[in-house]
């Protein structure tokens, strides 16, 4: 696992040593635990915006990051949006490219955007919505 800058420079690394690697916070799973473990080495006087792919992204991880003062943004798997009232991917596939549906949870300030491009994908963020 690698924590890197936007330019690709490695800041922190943890070698993968089997499926138990990084599962230190059970409610976040392996992906979320790895993110929390990697950022624990960052300087505490600065807060960062973190970006990750759908292996790592979950609503619980975004809440945990927000509670630590970080923003997080990443693609999120359909089965990880819990009961969020987003349009279903199969319905959005019938729409023209560029169609999206956005919701924001007023308690956690997590925004979910489901977007139709070549295929349907969903982004979760505590930093931004459709319009940055």
C-alpha atoms as a PDB file:
ATOM      1  CA  UNK A   1       0.000   0.000   0.000  1.00  0.00           C
ATOM      2  CA  UNK A   2       1.305   3.478  -0.879  1.00  0.00           C
ATOM      3  CA  UNK A   3       0.347   6.973   0.256  1.00  0.00           C
ATOM      4  CA  UNK A   4       1.567   9.295  -2.509  1.00  0.00           C
ATOM      5  CA  UNK A   5       1.441  12.962  -3.447  1.00  0.00           C
ATOM      6  CA  UNK A   6      -0.545  14.132  -6.455  1.00  0.00           C
ATOM      7  CA  UNK A   7       2.724  13.997  -8.407  1.00  0.00           C
ATOM      8  CA  UNK A   8       3.263  10.350  -7.498  1.00  0.00           C
ATOM      9  CA  UNK A   9       5.973  10.742  -4.855  1.00  0.00           C
ATOM     10  CA  UNK A  10       5.664   8.096  -2.132  1.00  0.00           C
ATOM     11  CA  UNK A  11       5.170   9.486   1.370  1.00  0.00           C
ATOM     12  CA  UNK A  12       4.362   6.338   3.315  1.00  0.00           C
ATOM     13  CA  UNK A  13       4.244   2.646   2.418  1.00  0.00           C
ATOM     14  CA  UNK A  14       3.071  -0.561   4.024  1.00  0.00           C
ATOM     15  CA  UNK A  15       3.918  -3.846   2.283  1.00  0.00           C
ATOM     16  CA  UNK A  16       0.949  -6.095   1.570  1.00  0.00           C
ATOM     17  CA  UNK A  17       1.418  -9.372   3.458  1.00  0.00           C
ATOM     18  CA  UNK A  18      -1.766 -11.295   2.838  1.00  0.00           C
ATOM     19  CA  UNK A  19      -5.427 -10.509   3.317  1.00  0.00           C
ATOM     20  CA  UNK A  20      -5.061  -9.692   7.027  1.00  0.00           C
ATOM     21  CA  UNK A  21      -2.676  -6.826   6.218  1.00  0.00           C
ATOM     22  CA  UNK A  22      -4.062  -3.537   7.424  1.00  0.00           C
ATOM     23  CA  UNK A  23      -7.352  -4.792   8.903  1.00  0.00           C
ATOM     24  CA  UNK A  24      -6.753  -2.889  12.144  1.00  0.00           C
ATOM     25  CA  UNK A  25     -10.158  -1.157  12.322  1.00  0.00           C
ATOM     26  CA  UNK A  26     -12.845  -3.820  11.731  1.00  0.00           C
ATOM     27  CA  UNK A  27     -15.714  -1.388  11.003  1.00  0.00           C
ATOM     28  CA  UNK A  28     -13.668   0.184   8.174  1.00  0.00           C
ATOM     29  CA  UNK A  29     -12.491  -3.075   6.620  1.00  0.00           C
ATOM     30  CA  UNK A  30      -9.079  -3.590   5.061  1.00  0.00           C
ATOM     31  CA  UNK A  31      -9.240  -0.650   2.631  1.00  0.00           C
ATOM     32  CA  UNK A  32     -10.377   1.916   5.187  1.00  0.00           C
ATOM     33  CA  UNK A  33      -7.957   0.617   7.815  1.00  0.00           C
ATOM     34  CA  UNK A  34      -5.051   0.957   5.388  1.00  0.00           C
ATOM     35  CA  UNK A  35      -5.963   4.601   4.679  1.00  0.00           C
ATOM     36  CA  UNK A  36      -6.181   5.454   8.399  1.00  0.00           C
ATOM     37  CA  UNK A  37      -2.892   3.641   9.108  1.00  0.00           C
ATOM     38  CA  UNK A  38      -1.094   5.452   6.267  1.00  0.00           C
ATOM     39  CA  UNK A  39      -2.274   8.945   7.256  1.00  0.00           C
ATOM     40  CA  UNK A  40      -1.279   8.375  10.892  1.00  0.00           C
ATOM     41  CA  UNK A  41       2.294   9.235   9.857  1.00  0.00           C
ATOM     42  CA  UNK A  42       1.355  12.580   8.270  1.00  0.00           C
ATOM     43  CA  UNK A  43       2.243  15.819  10.095  1.00  0.00           C
ATOM     44  CA  UNK A  44      -0.648  16.760  12.389  1.00  0.00           C
ATOM     45  CA  UNK A  45      -0.320  20.518  11.789  1.00  0.00           C
ATOM     46  CA  UNK A  46      -1.600  20.202   8.195  1.00  0.00           C
ATOM     47  CA  UNK A  47      -4.765  18.643   6.883  1.00  0.00           C
ATOM     48  CA  UNK A  48      -4.979  17.098   3.456  1.00  0.00           C
ATOM     49  CA  UNK A  49      -7.514  16.171   0.818  1.00  0.00           C
ATOM     50  CA  UNK A  50      -7.197  12.468   0.071  1.00  0.00           C
ATOM     51  CA  UNK A  51      -8.227  10.685  -3.128  1.00  0.00           C
ATOM     52  CA  UNK A  52      -8.656   6.932  -3.540  1.00  0.00           C
ATOM     53  CA  UNK A  53     -10.338   4.307  -5.695  1.00  0.00           C
ATOM     54  CA  UNK A  54     -13.310   2.091  -4.965  1.00  0.00           C
ATOM     55  CA  UNK A  55     -11.285  -0.545  -3.106  1.00  0.00           C
ATOM     56  CA  UNK A  56     -10.809   1.954  -0.274  1.00  0.00           C
ATOM     57  CA  UNK A  57     -13.864   4.246  -0.393  1.00  0.00           C
ATOM     58  CA  UNK A  58     -16.739   3.760   2.031  1.00  0.00           C
ATOM     59  CA  UNK A  59     -19.090   6.155   3.797  1.00  0.00           C
ATOM     60  CA  UNK A  60     -17.626   5.085   7.156  1.00  0.00           C
ATOM     61  CA  UNK A  61     -14.101   5.891   5.965  1.00  0.00           C
ATOM     62  CA  UNK A  62     -15.179   9.353   4.788  1.00  0.00           C
ATOM     63  CA  UNK A  63     -16.770  10.007   8.193  1.00  0.00           C
ATOM     64  CA  UNK A  64     -13.627   8.801   9.993  1.00  0.00           C
ATOM     65  CA  UNK A  65     -11.447  11.078   7.848  1.00  0.00           C
ATOM     66  CA  UNK A  66     -13.744  14.046   8.409  1.00  0.00           C
ATOM     67  CA  UNK A  67     -13.586  13.476  12.176  1.00  0.00           C
ATOM     68  CA  UNK A  68      -9.782  13.694  11.893  1.00  0.00           C
ATOM     69  CA  UNK A  69      -9.977  16.923   9.860  1.00  0.00           C
ATOM     70  CA  UNK A  70      -9.296  15.470   6.397  1.00  0.00           C
ATOM     71  CA  UNK A  71     -11.347  15.609   3.213  1.00  0.00           C
ATOM     72  CA  UNK A  72     -11.799  12.459   1.170  1.00  0.00           C
ATOM     73  CA  UNK A  73     -12.978  11.792  -2.367  1.00  0.00           C
ATOM     74  CA  UNK A  74     -13.178   8.533  -4.258  1.00  0.00           C
ATOM     75  CA  UNK A  75     -15.157   6.300  -6.526  1.00  0.00           C
ATOM     76  CA  UNK A  76     -17.425   4.073  -4.471  1.00  0.00           C
ATOM     77  CA  UNK A  77     -18.919   0.672  -5.188  1.00  0.00           C
ATOM     78  CA  UNK A  78     -22.696   0.401  -5.579  1.00  0.00           C
ATOM     79  CA  UNK A  79     -23.000  -1.900  -2.557  1.00  0.00           C
ATOM     80  CA  UNK A  80     -21.230   0.637  -0.297  1.00  0.00           C
ATOM     81  CA  UNK A  81     -23.648   3.554  -0.662  1.00  0.00           C
ATOM     82  CA  UNK A  82     -25.871   1.848   1.909  1.00  0.00           C
ATOM     83  CA  UNK A  83     -29.473   3.084   1.632  1.00  0.00           C
ATOM     84  CA  UNK A  84     -28.679   6.387  -0.069  1.00  0.00           C
ATOM     85  CA  UNK A  85     -31.606   7.456  -2.289  1.00  0.00           C
ATOM     86  CA  UNK A  86     -29.592   7.657  -5.518  1.00  0.00           C
ATOM     87  CA  UNK A  87     -31.014   6.710  -8.890  1.00  0.00           C
ATOM     88  CA  UNK A  88     -30.278   3.094  -9.715  1.00  0.00           C
ATOM     89  CA  UNK A  89     -27.398   2.450 -12.136  1.00  0.00           C
ATOM     90  CA  UNK A  90     -29.664   0.513 -14.509  1.00  0.00           C
ATOM     91  CA  UNK A  91     -32.006   3.537 -14.734  1.00  0.00           C
ATOM     92  CA  UNK A  92     -29.146   5.973 -15.310  1.00  0.00           C
ATOM     93  CA  UNK A  93     -27.756   3.766 -18.120  1.00  0.00           C
ATOM     94  CA  UNK A  94     -30.851   4.645 -20.159  1.00  0.00           C
ATOM     95  CA  UNK A  95     -30.018   8.362 -19.942  1.00  0.00           C
ATOM     96  CA  UNK A  96     -27.657  10.305 -22.238  1.00  0.00           C
ATOM     97  CA  UNK A  97     -23.987  10.658 -21.391  1.00  0.00           C
ATOM     98  CA  UNK A  98     -23.447  13.463 -18.864  1.00  0.00           C
ATOM     99  CA  UNK A  99     -26.586  12.748 -16.840  1.00  0.00           C
ATOM    100  CA  UNK A 100     -26.003  12.686 -13.079  1.00  0.00           C
ATOM    101  CA  UNK A 101     -27.828  12.485  -9.766  1.00  0.00           C
ATOM    102  CA  UNK A 102     -26.388  14.134  -6.655  1.00  0.00           C
ATOM    103  CA  UNK A 103     -27.379  13.901  -2.999  1.00  0.00           C
ATOM    104  CA  UNK A 104     -25.758  15.293   0.153  1.00  0.00           C
ATOM    105  CA  UNK A 105     -26.275  13.956   3.660  1.00  0.00           C
ATOM    106  CA  UNK A 106     -26.909  16.986   5.872  1.00  0.00           C
ATOM    107  CA  UNK A 107     -25.598  15.212   8.998  1.00  0.00           C
ATOM    108  CA  UNK A 108     -22.243  14.024   7.625  1.00  0.00           C
ATOM    109  CA  UNK A 109     -21.887  16.453   4.684  1.00  0.00           C
ATOM    110  CA  UNK A 110     -20.970  13.528   2.430  1.00  0.00           C
ATOM    111  CA  UNK A 111     -21.981  14.076  -1.182  1.00  0.00           C
ATOM    112  CA  UNK A 112     -22.706  11.188  -3.530  1.00  0.00           C
ATOM    113  CA  UNK A 113     -22.781  11.754  -7.276  1.00  0.00           C
ATOM    114  CA  UNK A 114     -23.859   8.997  -9.651  1.00  0.00           C
ATOM    115  CA  UNK A 115     -22.791   9.863 -13.189  1.00  0.00           C
ATOM    116  CA  UNK A 116     -23.409   8.382 -16.623  1.00  0.00           C
ATOM    117  CA  UNK A 117     -20.327   8.462 -18.845  1.00  0.00           C
ATOM    118  CA  UNK A 118     -19.342   5.442 -20.944  1.00  0.00           C
ATOM    119  CA  UNK A 119     -20.721   3.522 -17.977  1.00  0.00           C
ATOM    120  CA  UNK A 120     -22.285   4.517 -14.664  1.00  0.00           C
ATOM    121  CA  UNK A 121     -20.015   5.303 -11.720  1.00  0.00           C
ATOM    122  CA  UNK A 122     -20.490   6.859  -8.302  1.00  0.00           C
ATOM    123  CA  UNK A 123     -18.223   9.281  -6.455  1.00  0.00           C
ATOM    124  CA  UNK A 124     -18.376   9.993  -2.718  1.00  0.00           C
ATOM    125  CA  UNK A 125     -16.797  13.119  -1.243  1.00  0.00           C
ATOM    126  CA  UNK A 126     -16.608  15.324   1.817  1.00  0.00           C
ATOM    127  CA  UNK A 127     -14.798  17.985  -0.233  1.00  0.00           C
ATOM    128  CA  UNK A 128     -16.967  18.733  -3.245  1.00  0.00           C
ATOM    129  CA  UNK A 129     -20.066  17.919  -5.263  1.00  0.00           C
ATOM    130  CA  UNK A 130     -20.840  18.188  -8.958  1.00  0.00           C
ATOM    131  CA  UNK A 131     -19.631  21.795  -9.035  1.00  0.00           C
ATOM    132  CA  UNK A 132     -16.312  22.240  -7.158  1.00  0.00           C
END
